[in-house]
Each structure stands twice: as C-alpha cells, then as structure tokens.
Amino acid sequence: MIGKKILEEKLITMAEAKEILEKIIEEKKVQEVSYVTKQTLDYLKKFIKISAEDARKMFEELMKLDKINERIAIKIIDLMPRTPEEVRAIYAKEIYVLTKEDIDKILNIVYKYLK
C-alpha cells in the first residue's frame, strides 16, 4: 500500500469496531464501501449484541479485577463467556491460574451486560 501509514494502533472491542464502521459509512467518509467492509459490518451486526458504550463500561469494570489485562478484557467482551469453562478457555494460554472467585467475578460482570 503505497502512501498508507499506520498513525495509531489500539485494541478495541468488536462492538467498538461496529460503531466505527457504521459511523464511517453513515458519514460517507468513503466514496464506495468495499465488499470486505460490508461483510465485516454484516458479521458484527449479526454476532455482537452489546453496544459500544456498554462495551466500554464493561471494559472499565473488568480492568479493575486482578489477573486481567487489556487484551483479555477485550476477549471477554467480544466472546461474552457464560460458563466457567468458557472463561478458562480464554485464559488457556495465560500464566494466571484463576480461582473460582476470579471466574465468578468475571461472569458476574458479563451477566450484568447480557441482554
């Protein structure tokens, strides 16, 4: 890509990505929406059931817990685990060992934002 340069890199949730894509298309910041962009937005609309605002609130709550970093918090928000096994799967490659209390705290936050 000649002339393209990454100005900033930041981890975001899929809910925030959906919000950004919708805003770009709505404001017509691009002349023509690419096929990949349309497919991405369709996917996000189909599978993401949390608003970007709620995702940001949930992120703040998760970051207050022990054994959570930014990457893990975003995975939890994107996947919205409903069982202890699903939480453990997210942590499968991490060095942390979660206690039942840790898992319960995470699931309580997730349940709060499930609709």
PDB file of N, CA and C in Angstrom:
ATOM      1  N   MET A   1       0.836  -1.179   0.000  1.00  0.00           N
ATOM      2  CA  MET A   1       0.000   0.000   0.000  1.00  0.00           C
ATOM      3  C   MET A   1       0.880   1.241   0.000  1.00  0.00           C
ATOM      4  N   ILE A   2       1.034   1.788  -1.111  1.00  0.00           N
ATOM      5  CA  ILE A   2       1.840   2.995  -1.240  1.00  0.00           C
ATOM      6  C   ILE A   2       1.058   4.177  -0.679  1.00  0.00           C
ATOM      7  N   GLY A   3       1.722   4.969   0.121  1.00  0.00           N
ATOM      8  CA  GLY A   3       1.097   6.166   0.678  1.00  0.00           C
ATOM      9  C   GLY A   3       0.288   5.915   1.934  1.00  0.00           C
ATOM     10  N   LYS A   4       0.203   4.698   2.403  1.00  0.00           N
ATOM     11  CA  LYS A   4      -0.530   4.399   3.628  1.00  0.00           C
ATOM     12  C   LYS A   4       0.454   4.242   4.769  1.00  0.00           C
ATOM     13  N   LYS A   5       0.096   4.784   5.900  1.00  0.00           N
ATOM     14  CA  LYS A   5       0.977   4.738   7.060  1.00  0.00           C
ATOM     15  C   LYS A   5       0.110   4.573   8.305  1.00  0.00           C
ATOM     16  N   ILE A   6       0.516   3.685   9.178  1.00  0.00           N
ATOM     17  CA  ILE A   6      -0.217   3.492  10.428  1.00  0.00           C
ATOM     18  C   ILE A   6       0.127   4.639  11.361  1.00  0.00           C
ATOM     19  N   LEU A   7      -0.896   5.381  11.761  1.00  0.00           N
ATOM     20  CA  LEU A   7      -0.692   6.518  12.646  1.00  0.00           C
ATOM     21  C   LEU A   7      -0.851   6.136  14.111  1.00  0.00           C
ATOM     22  N   GLU A   8      -1.741   5.196  14.365  1.00  0.00           N
ATOM     23  CA  GLU A   8      -2.004   4.799  15.740  1.00  0.00           C
ATOM     24  C   GLU A   8      -2.530   3.369  15.742  1.00  0.00           C
ATOM     25  N   GLU A   9      -2.209   2.638  16.758  1.00  0.00           N
ATOM     26  CA  GLU A   9      -2.696   1.274  16.899  1.00  0.00           C
ATOM     27  C   GLU A   9      -3.268   1.120  18.292  1.00  0.00           C
ATOM     28  N   LYS A  10      -4.495   0.594  18.353  1.00  0.00           N
ATOM     29  CA  LYS A  10      -5.166   0.467  19.637  1.00  0.00           C
ATOM     30  C   LYS A  10      -6.076  -0.752  19.594  1.00  0.00           C
ATOM     31  N   LEU A  11      -6.094  -1.535  20.655  1.00  0.00           N
ATOM     32  CA  LEU A  11      -7.008  -2.656  20.755  1.00  0.00           C
ATOM     33  C   LEU A  11      -8.412  -2.129  21.026  1.00  0.00           C
ATOM     34  N   ILE A  12      -9.386  -2.648  20.284  1.00  0.00           N
ATOM     35  CA  ILE A  12     -10.781  -2.262  20.508  1.00  0.00           C
ATOM     36  C   ILE A  12     -11.651  -3.507  20.480  1.00  0.00           C
ATOM     37  N   THR A  13     -12.821  -3.384  21.067  1.00  0.00           N
ATOM     38  CA  THR A  13     -13.768  -4.490  21.055  1.00  0.00           C
ATOM     39  C   THR A  13     -14.467  -4.532  19.698  1.00  0.00           C
ATOM     40  N   MET A  14     -15.084  -5.660  19.421  1.00  0.00           N
ATOM     41  CA  MET A  14     -15.833  -5.763  18.163  1.00  0.00           C
ATOM     42  C   MET A  14     -17.036  -4.816  18.168  1.00  0.00           C
ATOM     43  N   ALA A  15     -17.600  -4.536  19.325  1.00  0.00           N
ATOM     44  CA  ALA A  15     -18.711  -3.588  19.419  1.00  0.00           C
ATOM     45  C   ALA A  15     -18.250  -2.192  19.019  1.00  0.00           C
ATOM     46  N   GLU A  16     -17.042  -1.823  19.429  1.00  0.00           N
ATOM     47  CA  GLU A  16     -16.500  -0.520  19.047  1.00  0.00           C
ATOM     48  C   GLU A  16     -16.158  -0.490  17.557  1.00  0.00           C
ATOM     49  N   ALA A  17     -15.679  -1.617  17.025  1.00  0.00           N
ATOM     50  CA  ALA A  17     -15.385  -1.698  15.591  1.00  0.00           C
ATOM     51  C   ALA A  17     -16.667  -1.519  14.785  1.00  0.00           C
ATOM     52  N   LYS A  18     -17.734  -2.127  15.248  1.00  0.00           N
ATOM     53  CA  LYS A  18     -19.039  -1.993  14.591  1.00  0.00           C
ATOM     54  C   LYS A  18     -19.475  -0.530  14.578  1.00  0.00           C
ATOM     55  N   GLU A  19     -19.336   0.124  15.722  1.00  0.00           N
ATOM     56  CA  GLU A  19     -19.711   1.534  15.830  1.00  0.00           C
ATOM     57  C   GLU A  19     -18.892   2.398  14.871  1.00  0.00           C
ATOM     58  N   ILE A  20     -17.607   2.143  14.782  1.00  0.00           N
ATOM     59  CA  ILE A  20     -16.724   2.912  13.894  1.00  0.00           C
ATOM     60  C   ILE A  20     -17.113   2.701  12.433  1.00  0.00           C
ATOM     61  N   LEU A  21     -17.319   1.444  12.041  1.00  0.00           N
ATOM     62  CA  LEU A  21     -17.703   1.161  10.649  1.00  0.00           C
ATOM     63  C   LEU A  21     -19.035   1.807  10.293  1.00  0.00           C
ATOM     64  N   GLU A  22     -20.002   1.725  11.196  1.00  0.00           N
ATOM     65  CA  GLU A  22     -21.303   2.347  10.945  1.00  0.00           C
ATOM     66  C   GLU A  22     -21.165   3.858  10.781  1.00  0.00           C
ATOM     67  N   LYS A  23     -20.333   4.457  11.612  1.00  0.00           N
ATOM     68  CA  LYS A  23     -20.127   5.902  11.539  1.00  0.00           C
ATOM     69  C   LYS A  23     -19.458   6.307  10.219  1.00  0.00           C
ATOM     70  N   ILE A  24     -18.456   5.546   9.801  1.00  0.00           N
ATOM     71  CA  ILE A  24     -17.752   5.835   8.546  1.00  0.00           C
ATOM     72  C   ILE A  24     -18.719   5.758   7.369  1.00  0.00           C
ATOM     73  N   ILE A  25     -19.534   4.708   7.360  1.00  0.00           N
ATOM     74  CA  ILE A  25     -20.489   4.536   6.257  1.00  0.00           C
ATOM     75  C   ILE A  25     -21.566   5.604   6.303  1.00  0.00           C
ATOM     76  N   GLU A  26     -22.070   5.887   7.506  1.00  0.00           N
ATOM     77  CA  GLU A  26     -23.118   6.895   7.674  1.00  0.00           C
ATOM     78  C   GLU A  26     -22.648   8.276   7.241  1.00  0.00           C
ATOM     79  N   GLU A  27     -21.450   8.641   7.643  1.00  0.00           N
ATOM     80  CA  GLU A  27     -20.919   9.964   7.310  1.00  0.00           C
ATOM     81  C   GLU A  27     -20.329  10.015   5.903  1.00  0.00           C
ATOM     82  N   LYS A  28     -20.378   8.850   5.226  1.00  0.00           N
ATOM     83  CA  LYS A  28     -19.879   8.735   3.862  1.00  0.00           C
ATOM     84  C   LYS A  28     -18.455   9.261   3.726  1.00  0.00           C
ATOM     85  N   LYS A  29     -17.616   8.832   4.689  1.00  0.00           N
ATOM     86  CA  LYS A  29     -16.216   9.224   4.636  1.00  0.00           C
ATOM     87  C   LYS A  29     -15.479   8.471   3.532  1.00  0.00           C
ATOM     88  N   VAL A  30     -16.124   7.437   3.014  1.00  0.00           N
ATOM     89  CA  VAL A  30     -15.548   6.703   1.897  1.00  0.00           C
ATOM     90  C   VAL A  30     -16.515   6.815   0.725  1.00  0.00           C
ATOM     91  N   GLN A  31     -15.973   6.950  -0.474  1.00  0.00           N
ATOM     92  CA  GLN A  31     -16.812   7.086  -1.659  1.00  0.00           C
ATOM     93  C   GLN A  31     -17.651   5.840  -1.892  1.00  0.00           C
ATOM     94  N   GLU A  32     -16.995   4.704  -1.808  1.00  0.00           N
ATOM     95  CA  GLU A  32     -17.657   3.443  -2.055  1.00  0.00           C
ATOM     96  C   GLU A  32     -17.232   2.449  -0.981  1.00  0.00           C
ATOM     97  N   VAL A  33     -18.206   1.793  -0.389  1.00  0.00           N
ATOM     98  CA  VAL A  33     -17.912   0.842   0.665  1.00  0.00           C
ATOM     99  C   VAL A  33     -17.445  -0.467   0.024  1.00  0.00           C
ATOM    100  N   SER A  34     -16.294  -0.950   0.454  1.00  0.00           N
ATOM    101  CA  SER A  34     -15.742  -2.174  -0.133  1.00  0.00           C
ATOM    102  C   SER A  34     -16.537  -3.394   0.306  1.00  0.00           C
ATOM    103  N   TYR A  35     -16.388  -4.448  -0.453  1.00  0.00           N
ATOM    104  CA  TYR A  35     -17.040  -5.714  -0.153  1.00  0.00           C
ATOM    105  C   TYR A  35     -16.626  -6.226   1.226  1.00  0.00           C
ATOM    106  N   VAL A  36     -15.336  -6.131   1.524  1.00  0.00           N
ATOM    107  CA  VAL A  36     -14.817  -6.609   2.813  1.00  0.00           C
ATOM    108  C   VAL A  36     -15.425  -5.813   3.958  1.00  0.00           C
ATOM    109  N   THR A  37     -15.555  -4.505   3.776  1.00  0.00           N
ATOM    110  CA  THR A  37     -16.150  -3.658   4.813  1.00  0.00           C
ATOM    111  C   THR A  37     -17.607  -4.043   5.039  1.00  0.00           C
ATOM    112  N   LYS A  38     -18.344  -4.265   3.966  1.00  0.00           N
ATOM    113  CA  LYS A  38     -19.752  -4.667   4.089  1.00  0.00           C
ATOM    114  C   LYS A  38     -19.875  -6.012   4.798  1.00  0.00           C
ATOM    115  N   GLN A  39     -19.027  -6.966   4.419  1.00  0.00           N
ATOM    116  CA  GLN A  39     -19.063  -8.284   5.039  1.00  0.00           C
ATOM    117  C   GLN A  39     -18.710  -8.205   6.529  1.00  0.00           C
ATOM    118  N   THR A  40     -17.722  -7.385   6.848  1.00  0.00           N
ATOM    119  CA  THR A  40     -17.314  -7.214   8.242  1.00  0.00           C
ATOM    120  C   THR A  40     -18.451  -6.623   9.061  1.00  0.00           C
ATOM    121  N   LEU A  41     -19.082  -5.593   8.534  1.00  0.00           N
ATOM    122  CA  LEU A  41     -20.185  -4.958   9.248  1.00  0.00           C
ATOM    123  C   LEU A  41     -21.368  -5.915   9.392  1.00  0.00           C
ATOM    124  N   ASP A  42     -21.670  -6.671   8.364  1.00  0.00           N
ATOM    125  CA  ASP A  42     -22.752  -7.659   8.459  1.00  0.00           C
ATOM    126  C   ASP A  42     -22.466  -8.682   9.562  1.00  0.00           C
ATOM    127  N   TYR A  43     -21.226  -9.158   9.613  1.00  0.00           N
ATOM    128  CA  TYR A  43     -20.818 -10.113  10.645  1.00  0.00           C
ATOM    129  C   TYR A  43     -20.995  -9.502  12.035  1.00  0.00           C
ATOM    130  N   LEU A  44     -20.501  -8.291  12.200  1.00  0.00           N
ATOM    131  CA  LEU A  44     -20.580  -7.647  13.513  1.00  0.00           C
ATOM    132  C   LEU A  44     -22.030  -7.411  13.931  1.00  0.00           C
ATOM    133  N   LYS A  45     -22.876  -7.004  12.991  1.00  0.00           N
ATOM    134  CA  LYS A  45     -24.293  -6.790  13.313  1.00  0.00           C
ATOM    135  C   LYS A  45     -24.968  -8.099  13.728  1.00  0.00           C
ATOM    136  N   LYS A  46     -24.542  -9.186  13.107  1.00  0.00           N
ATOM    137  CA  LYS A  46     -25.155 -10.480  13.381  1.00  0.00           C
ATOM    138  C   LYS A  46     -24.739 -11.045  14.741  1.00  0.00           C
ATOM    139  N   PHE A  47     -23.481 -10.868  15.105  1.00  0.00           N
ATOM    140  CA  PHE A  47     -22.962 -11.559  16.284  1.00  0.00           C
ATOM    141  C   PHE A  47     -22.713 -10.682  17.509  1.00  0.00           C
ATOM    142  N   ILE A  48     -22.589  -9.396  17.361  1.00  0.00           N
ATOM    143  CA  ILE A  48     -22.314  -8.527  18.510  1.00  0.00           C
ATOM    144  C   ILE A  48     -23.621  -7.988  19.055  1.00  0.00           C
ATOM    145  N   LYS A  49     -23.909  -8.338  20.278  1.00  0.00           N
ATOM    146  CA  LYS A  49     -25.182  -7.963  20.903  1.00  0.00           C
ATOM    147  C   LYS A  49     -25.008  -6.944  22.021  1.00  0.00           C
ATOM    148  N   ILE A  50     -23.856  -6.326  22.110  1.00  0.00           N
ATOM    149  CA  ILE A  50     -23.600  -5.328  23.153  1.00  0.00           C
ATOM    150  C   ILE A  50     -23.270  -4.009  22.453  1.00  0.00           C
ATOM    151  N   SER A  51     -23.716  -2.917  23.026  1.00  0.00           N
ATOM    152  CA  SER A  51     -23.418  -1.613  22.432  1.00  0.00           C
ATOM    153  C   SER A  51     -21.972  -1.226  22.732  1.00  0.00           C
ATOM    154  N   ALA A  52     -21.441  -0.336  21.933  1.00  0.00           N
ATOM    155  CA  ALA A  52     -20.067   0.130  22.148  1.00  0.00           C
ATOM    156  C   ALA A  52     -19.950   0.821  23.510  1.00  0.00           C
ATOM    157  N   GLU A  53     -20.991   1.537  23.897  1.00  0.00           N
ATOM    158  CA  GLU A  53     -20.975   2.227  25.193  1.00  0.00           C
ATOM    159  C   GLU A  53     -20.917   1.213  26.341  1.00  0.00           C
ATOM    160  N   ASP A  54     -21.746   0.176  26.250  1.00  0.00           N
ATOM    161  CA  ASP A  54     -21.720  -0.867  27.277  1.00  0.00           C
ATOM    162  C   ASP A  54     -20.391  -1.613  27.267  1.00  0.00           C
ATOM    163  N   ALA A  55     -19.831  -1.814  26.085  1.00  0.00           N
ATOM    164  CA  ALA A  55     -18.531  -2.492  25.986  1.00  0.00           C
ATOM    165  C   ALA A  55     -17.453  -1.681  26.705  1.00  0.00           C
ATOM    166  N   ARG A  56     -17.494  -0.363  26.542  1.00  0.00           N
ATOM    167  CA  ARG A  56     -16.512   0.492  27.234  1.00  0.00           C
ATOM    168  C   ARG A  56     -16.710   0.439  28.752  1.00  0.00           C
ATOM    169  N   LYS A  57     -17.966   0.443  29.207  1.00  0.00           N
ATOM    170  CA  LYS A  57     -18.249   0.348  30.650  1.00  0.00           C
ATOM    171  C   LYS A  57     -17.774  -0.997  31.200  1.00  0.00           C
ATOM    172  N   MET A  58     -18.065  -2.051  30.447  1.00  0.00           N
ATOM    173  CA  MET A  58     -17.664  -3.386  30.863  1.00  0.00           C
ATOM    174  C   MET A  58     -16.145  -3.487  30.921  1.00  0.00           C
ATOM    175  N   PHE A  59     -15.468  -2.891  29.958  1.00  0.00           N
ATOM    176  CA  PHE A  59     -14.011  -2.892  29.927  1.00  0.00           C
ATOM    177  C   PHE A  59     -13.462  -2.255  31.198  1.00  0.00           C
ATOM    178  N   GLU A  60     -14.010  -1.120  31.587  1.00  0.00           N
ATOM    179  CA  GLU A  60     -13.561  -0.433  32.804  1.00  0.00           C
ATOM    180  C   GLU A  60     -13.755  -1.315  34.039  1.00  0.00           C
ATOM    181  N   GLU A  61     -14.884  -1.996  34.112  1.00  0.00           N
ATOM    182  CA  GLU A  61     -15.135  -2.877  35.260  1.00  0.00           C
ATOM    183  C   GLU A  61     -14.169  -4.054  35.283  1.00  0.00           C
ATOM    184  N   LEU A  62     -13.946  -4.654  34.116  1.00  0.00           N
ATOM    185  CA  LEU A  62     -13.036  -5.800  34.041  1.00  0.00           C
ATOM    186  C   LEU A  62     -11.608  -5.411  34.401  1.00  0.00           C
ATOM    187  N   MET A  63     -11.173  -4.241  33.993  1.00  0.00           N
ATOM    188  CA  MET A  63      -9.798  -3.808  34.247  1.00  0.00           C
ATOM    189  C   MET A  63      -9.527  -3.581  35.733  1.00  0.00           C
ATOM    190  N   LYS A  64     -10.580  -3.450  36.529  1.00  0.00           N
ATOM    191  CA  LYS A  64     -10.410  -3.277  37.972  1.00  0.00           C
ATOM    192  C   LYS A  64     -10.106  -4.602  38.678  1.00  0.00           C
ATOM    193  N   LEU A  65     -10.370  -5.708  37.986  1.00  0.00           N
ATOM    194  CA  LEU A  65     -10.128  -7.030  38.573  1.00  0.00           C
ATOM    195  C   LEU A  65      -8.660  -7.416  38.467  1.00  0.00           C
ATOM    196  N   ASP A  66      -8.252  -8.323  39.352  1.00  0.00           N
ATOM    197  CA  ASP A  66      -6.903  -8.880  39.271  1.00  0.00           C
ATOM    198  C   ASP A  66      -6.850  -9.865  38.117  1.00  0.00           C
ATOM    199  N   LYS A  67      -5.657 -10.101  37.618  1.00  0.00           N
ATOM    200  CA  LYS A  67      -5.402 -11.103  36.575  1.00  0.00           C
ATOM    201  C   LYS A  67      -6.101 -10.793  35.255  1.00  0.00           C
ATOM    202  N   ILE A  68      -6.354  -9.504  35.006  1.00  0.00           N
ATOM    203  CA  ILE A  68      -6.967  -9.112  33.730  1.00  0.00           C
ATOM    204  C   ILE A  68      -6.097  -8.030  33.115  1.00  0.00           C
ATOM    205  N   ASN A  69      -5.755  -8.243  31.851  1.00  0.00           N
ATOM    206  CA  ASN A  69      -5.064  -7.194  31.115  1.00  0.00           C
ATOM    207  C   ASN A  69      -5.977  -6.726  29.981  1.00  0.00           C
ATOM    208  N   GLU A  70      -5.540  -5.729  29.251  1.00  0.00           N
ATOM    209  CA  GLU A  70      -6.372  -5.129  28.213  1.00  0.00           C
ATOM    210  C   GLU A  70      -6.806  -6.162  27.159  1.00  0.00           C
ATOM    211  N   ARG A  71      -5.889  -6.993  26.726  1.00  0.00           N
ATOM    212  CA  ARG A  71      -6.181  -7.986  25.694  1.00  0.00           C
ATOM    213  C   ARG A  71      -7.214  -9.001  26.173  1.00  0.00           C
ATOM    214  N   ILE A  72      -7.060  -9.470  27.393  1.00  0.00           N
ATOM    215  CA  ILE A  72      -8.000 -10.444  27.964  1.00  0.00           C
ATOM    216  C   ILE A  72      -9.377  -9.811  28.153  1.00  0.00           C
ATOM    217  N   ALA A  73      -9.422  -8.588  28.642  1.00  0.00           N
ATOM    218  CA  ALA A  73     -10.698  -7.892  28.849  1.00  0.00           C
ATOM    219  C   ALA A  73     -11.460  -7.775  27.526  1.00  0.00           C
ATOM    220  N   ILE A  74     -10.748  -7.443  26.463  1.00  0.00           N
ATOM    221  CA  ILE A  74     -11.393  -7.313  25.157  1.00  0.00           C
ATOM    222  C   ILE A  74     -11.896  -8.667  24.667  1.00  0.00           C
ATOM    223  N   LYS A  75     -11.125  -9.724  24.883  1.00  0.00           N
ATOM    224  CA  LYS A  75     -11.589 -11.069  24.505  1.00  0.00           C
ATOM    225  C   LYS A  75     -12.863 -11.428  25.267  1.00  0.00           C
ATOM    226  N   ILE A  76     -12.891 -11.114  26.544  1.00  0.00           N
ATOM    227  CA  ILE A  76     -14.068 -11.428  27.356  1.00  0.00           C
ATOM    228  C   ILE A  76     -15.288 -10.674  26.825  1.00  0.00           C
ATOM    229  N   ILE A  77     -15.118  -9.414  26.493  1.00  0.00           N
ATOM    230  CA  ILE A  77     -16.229  -8.609  25.970  1.00  0.00           C
ATOM    231  C   ILE A  77     -16.690  -9.147  24.621  1.00  0.00           C
ATOM    232  N   ASP A  78     -15.751  -9.493  23.756  1.00  0.00           N
ATOM    233  CA  ASP A  78     -16.112  -9.991  22.427  1.00  0.00           C
ATOM    234  C   ASP A  78     -16.797 -11.357  22.487  1.00  0.00           C
ATOM    235  N   LEU A  79     -16.351 -12.225  23.388  1.00  0.00           N
ATOM    236  CA  LEU A  79     -16.879 -13.584  23.453  1.00  0.00           C
ATOM    237  C   LEU A  79     -18.043 -13.750  24.425  1.00  0.00           C
ATOM    238  N   MET A  80     -18.144 -12.859  25.409  1.00  0.00           N
ATOM    239  CA  MET A  80     -19.203 -12.907  26.418  1.00  0.00           C
ATOM    240  C   MET A  80     -19.396 -14.330  26.968  1.00  0.00           C
ATOM    241  N   PRO A  81     -18.371 -14.861  27.644  1.00  0.00           N
ATOM    242  CA  PRO A  81     -18.469 -16.229  28.164  1.00  0.00           C
ATOM    243  C   PRO A  81     -19.599 -16.356  29.184  1.00  0.00           C
ATOM    244  N   ARG A  82     -20.275 -17.490  29.132  1.00  0.00           N
ATOM    245  CA  ARG A  82     -21.403 -17.700  30.030  1.00  0.00           C
ATOM    246  C   ARG A  82     -21.153 -18.790  31.065  1.00  0.00           C
ATOM    247  N   THR A  83     -20.069 -19.526  30.920  1.00  0.00           N
ATOM    248  CA  THR A  83     -19.776 -20.617  31.855  1.00  0.00           C
ATOM    249  C   THR A  83     -18.328 -20.509  32.337  1.00  0.00           C
ATOM    250  N   PRO A  84     -18.028 -21.114  33.469  1.00  0.00           N
ATOM    251  CA  PRO A  84     -16.641 -21.119  33.952  1.00  0.00           C
ATOM    252  C   PRO A  84     -15.670 -21.747  32.937  1.00  0.00           C
ATOM    253  N   GLU A  85     -16.126 -22.761  32.228  1.00  0.00           N
ATOM    254  CA  GLU A  85     -15.268 -23.414  31.231  1.00  0.00           C
ATOM    255  C   GLU A  85     -14.897 -22.463  30.105  1.00  0.00           C
ATOM    256  N   GLU A  86     -15.833 -21.630  29.694  1.00  0.00           N
ATOM    257  CA  GLU A  86     -15.554 -20.656  28.632  1.00  0.00           C
ATOM    258  C   GLU A  86     -14.548 -19.613  29.110  1.00  0.00           C
ATOM    259  N   VAL A  87     -14.647 -19.198  30.368  1.00  0.00           N
ATOM    260  CA  VAL A  87     -13.672 -18.251  30.924  1.00  0.00           C
ATOM    261  C   VAL A  87     -12.295 -18.909  30.971  1.00  0.00           C
ATOM    262  N   ARG A  88     -12.243 -20.142  31.428  1.00  0.00           N
ATOM    263  CA  ARG A  88     -10.959 -20.860  31.480  1.00  0.00           C
ATOM    264  C   ARG A  88     -10.345 -20.998  30.086  1.00  0.00           C
ATOM    265  N   ALA A  89     -11.178 -21.203  29.071  1.00  0.00           N
ATOM    266  CA  ALA A  89     -10.670 -21.326  27.700  1.00  0.00           C
ATOM    267  C   ALA A  89     -10.008 -20.026  27.247  1.00  0.00           C
ATOM    268  N   ILE A  90     -10.548 -18.901  27.650  1.00  0.00           N
ATOM    269  CA  ILE A  90      -9.950 -17.606  27.303  1.00  0.00           C
ATOM    270  C   ILE A  90      -8.575 -17.480  27.947  1.00  0.00           C
ATOM    271  N   TYR A  91      -8.440 -18.019  29.128  1.00  0.00           N
ATOM    272  CA  TYR A  91      -7.184 -17.937  29.882  1.00  0.00           C
ATOM    273  C   TYR A  91      -6.243 -19.112  29.614  1.00  0.00           C
ATOM    274  N   ALA A  92      -6.562 -19.973  28.678  1.00  0.00           N
ATOM    275  CA  ALA A  92      -5.804 -21.209  28.453  1.00  0.00           C
ATOM    276  C   ALA A  92      -4.311 -20.979  28.234  1.00  0.00           C
ATOM    277  N   LYS A  93      -3.940 -19.918  27.557  1.00  0.00           N
ATOM    278  CA  LYS A  93      -2.523 -19.677  27.260  1.00  0.00           C
ATOM    279  C   LYS A  93      -1.886 -18.649  28.188  1.00  0.00           C
ATOM    280  N   GLU A  94      -2.599 -18.269  29.209  1.00  0.00           N
ATOM    281  CA  GLU A  94      -2.081 -17.264  30.141  1.00  0.00           C
ATOM    282  C   GLU A  94      -1.320 -17.945  31.274  1.00  0.00           C
ATOM    283  N   ILE A  95      -0.490 -17.151  31.937  1.00  0.00           N
ATOM    284  CA  ILE A  95       0.283 -17.681  33.058  1.00  0.00           C
ATOM    285  C   ILE A  95      -0.521 -17.672  34.357  1.00  0.00           C
ATOM    286  N   TYR A  96      -1.678 -17.028  34.331  1.00  0.00           N
ATOM    287  CA  TYR A  96      -2.501 -16.927  35.531  1.00  0.00           C
ATOM    288  C   TYR A  96      -3.278 -18.219  35.777  1.00  0.00           C
ATOM    289  N   VAL A  97      -3.487 -18.509  37.037  1.00  0.00           N
ATOM    290  CA  VAL A  97      -4.378 -19.593  37.426  1.00  0.00           C
ATOM    291  C   VAL A  97      -5.563 -18.925  38.100  1.00  0.00           C
ATOM    292  N   LEU A  98      -6.729 -19.092  37.501  1.00  0.00           N
ATOM    293  CA  LEU A  98      -7.923 -18.447  38.036  1.00  0.00           C
ATOM    294  C   LEU A  98      -8.534 -19.270  39.151  1.00  0.00           C
ATOM    295  N   THR A  99      -8.935 -18.587  40.198  1.00  0.00           N
ATOM    296  CA  THR A  99      -9.678 -19.245  41.270  1.00  0.00           C
ATOM    297  C   THR A  99     -11.161 -19.192  40.913  1.00  0.00           C
ATOM    298  N   LYS A 100     -11.960 -19.945  41.658  1.00  0.00           N
ATOM    299  CA  LYS A 100     -13.410 -19.914  41.436  1.00  0.00           C
ATOM    300  C   LYS A 100     -13.933 -18.496  41.652  1.00  0.00           C
ATOM    301  N   GLU A 101     -13.379 -17.783  42.634  1.00  0.00           N
ATOM    302  CA  GLU A 101     -13.789 -16.402  42.905  1.00  0.00           C
ATOM    303  C   GLU A 101     -13.485 -15.493  41.719  1.00  0.00           C
ATOM    304  N   ASP A 102     -12.296 -15.647  41.103  1.00  0.00           N
ATOM    305  CA  ASP A 102     -11.926 -14.843  39.937  1.00  0.00           C
ATOM    306  C   ASP A 102     -12.929 -15.063  38.805  1.00  0.00           C
ATOM    307  N   ILE A 103     -13.239 -16.319  38.560  1.00  0.00           N
ATOM    308  CA  ILE A 103     -14.175 -16.660  37.484  1.00  0.00           C
ATOM    309  C   ILE A 103     -15.562 -16.106  37.785  1.00  0.00           C
ATOM    310  N   ASP A 104     -15.995 -16.227  39.027  1.00  0.00           N
ATOM    311  CA  ASP A 104     -17.313 -15.700  39.421  1.00  0.00           C
ATOM    312  C   ASP A 104     -17.392 -14.188  39.225  1.00  0.00           C
ATOM    313  N   LYS A 105     -16.330 -13.477  39.574  1.00  0.00           N
ATOM    314  CA  LYS A 105     -16.309 -12.021  39.392  1.00  0.00           C
ATOM    315  C   LYS A 105     -16.436 -11.664  37.911  1.00  0.00           C
ATOM    316  N   ILE A 106     -15.708 -12.385  37.067  1.00  0.00           N
ATOM    317  CA  ILE A 106     -15.766 -12.133  35.622  1.00  0.00           C
ATOM    318  C   ILE A 106     -17.175 -12.420  35.098  1.00  0.00           C
ATOM    319  N   LEU A 107     -17.730 -13.574  35.471  1.00  0.00           N
ATOM    320  CA  LEU A 107     -19.062 -13.946  34.985  1.00  0.00           C
ATOM    321  C   LEU A 107     -20.142 -12.998  35.497  1.00  0.00           C
ATOM    322  N   ASN A 108     -20.004 -12.496  36.718  1.00  0.00           N
ATOM    323  CA  ASN A 108     -20.977 -11.532  37.236  1.00  0.00           C
ATOM    324  C   ASN A 108     -20.994 -10.266  36.397  1.00  0.00           C
ATOM    325  N   ILE A 109     -19.826  -9.816  35.974  1.00  0.00           N
ATOM    326  CA  ILE A 109     -19.754  -8.629  35.106  1.00  0.00           C
ATOM    327  C   ILE A 109     -20.380  -8.943  33.753  1.00  0.00           C
ATOM    328  N   VAL A 110     -20.057 -10.107  33.188  1.00  0.00           N
ATOM    329  CA  VAL A 110     -20.620 -10.490  31.887  1.00  0.00           C
ATOM    330  C   VAL A 110     -22.147 -10.558  31.970  1.00  0.00           C
ATOM    331  N   TYR A 111     -22.678 -11.221  32.998  1.00  0.00           N
ATOM    332  CA  TYR A 111     -24.137 -11.372  33.133  1.00  0.00           C
ATOM    333  C   TYR A 111     -24.828 -10.021  33.245  1.00  0.00           C
ATOM    334  N   LYS A 112     -24.160  -9.076  33.832  1.00  0.00           N
ATOM    335  CA  LYS A 112     -24.706  -7.733  34.001  1.00  0.00           C
ATOM    336  C   LYS A 112     -25.000  -7.075  32.649  1.00  0.00           C
ATOM    337  N   TYR A 113     -24.177  -7.415  31.637  1.00  0.00           N
ATOM    338  CA  TYR A 113     -24.308  -6.782  30.321  1.00  0.00           C
ATOM    339  C   TYR A 113     -24.979  -7.659  29.268  1.00  0.00           C
ATOM    340  N   LEU A 114     -25.307  -8.900  29.612  1.00  0.00           N
ATOM    341  CA  LEU A 114     -26.020  -9.772  28.678  1.00  0.00           C
ATOM    342  C   LEU A 114     -27.469  -9.299  28.567  1.00  0.00           C
ATOM    343  N   LYS A 115     -27.984  -9.367  27.369  1.00  0.00           N
ATOM    344  CA  LYS A 115     -29.374  -8.942  27.174  1.00  0.00           C
ATOM    345  C   LYS A 115     -30.197 -10.055  26.620  1.00  0.00           C
TER     346      LYS A 115
END
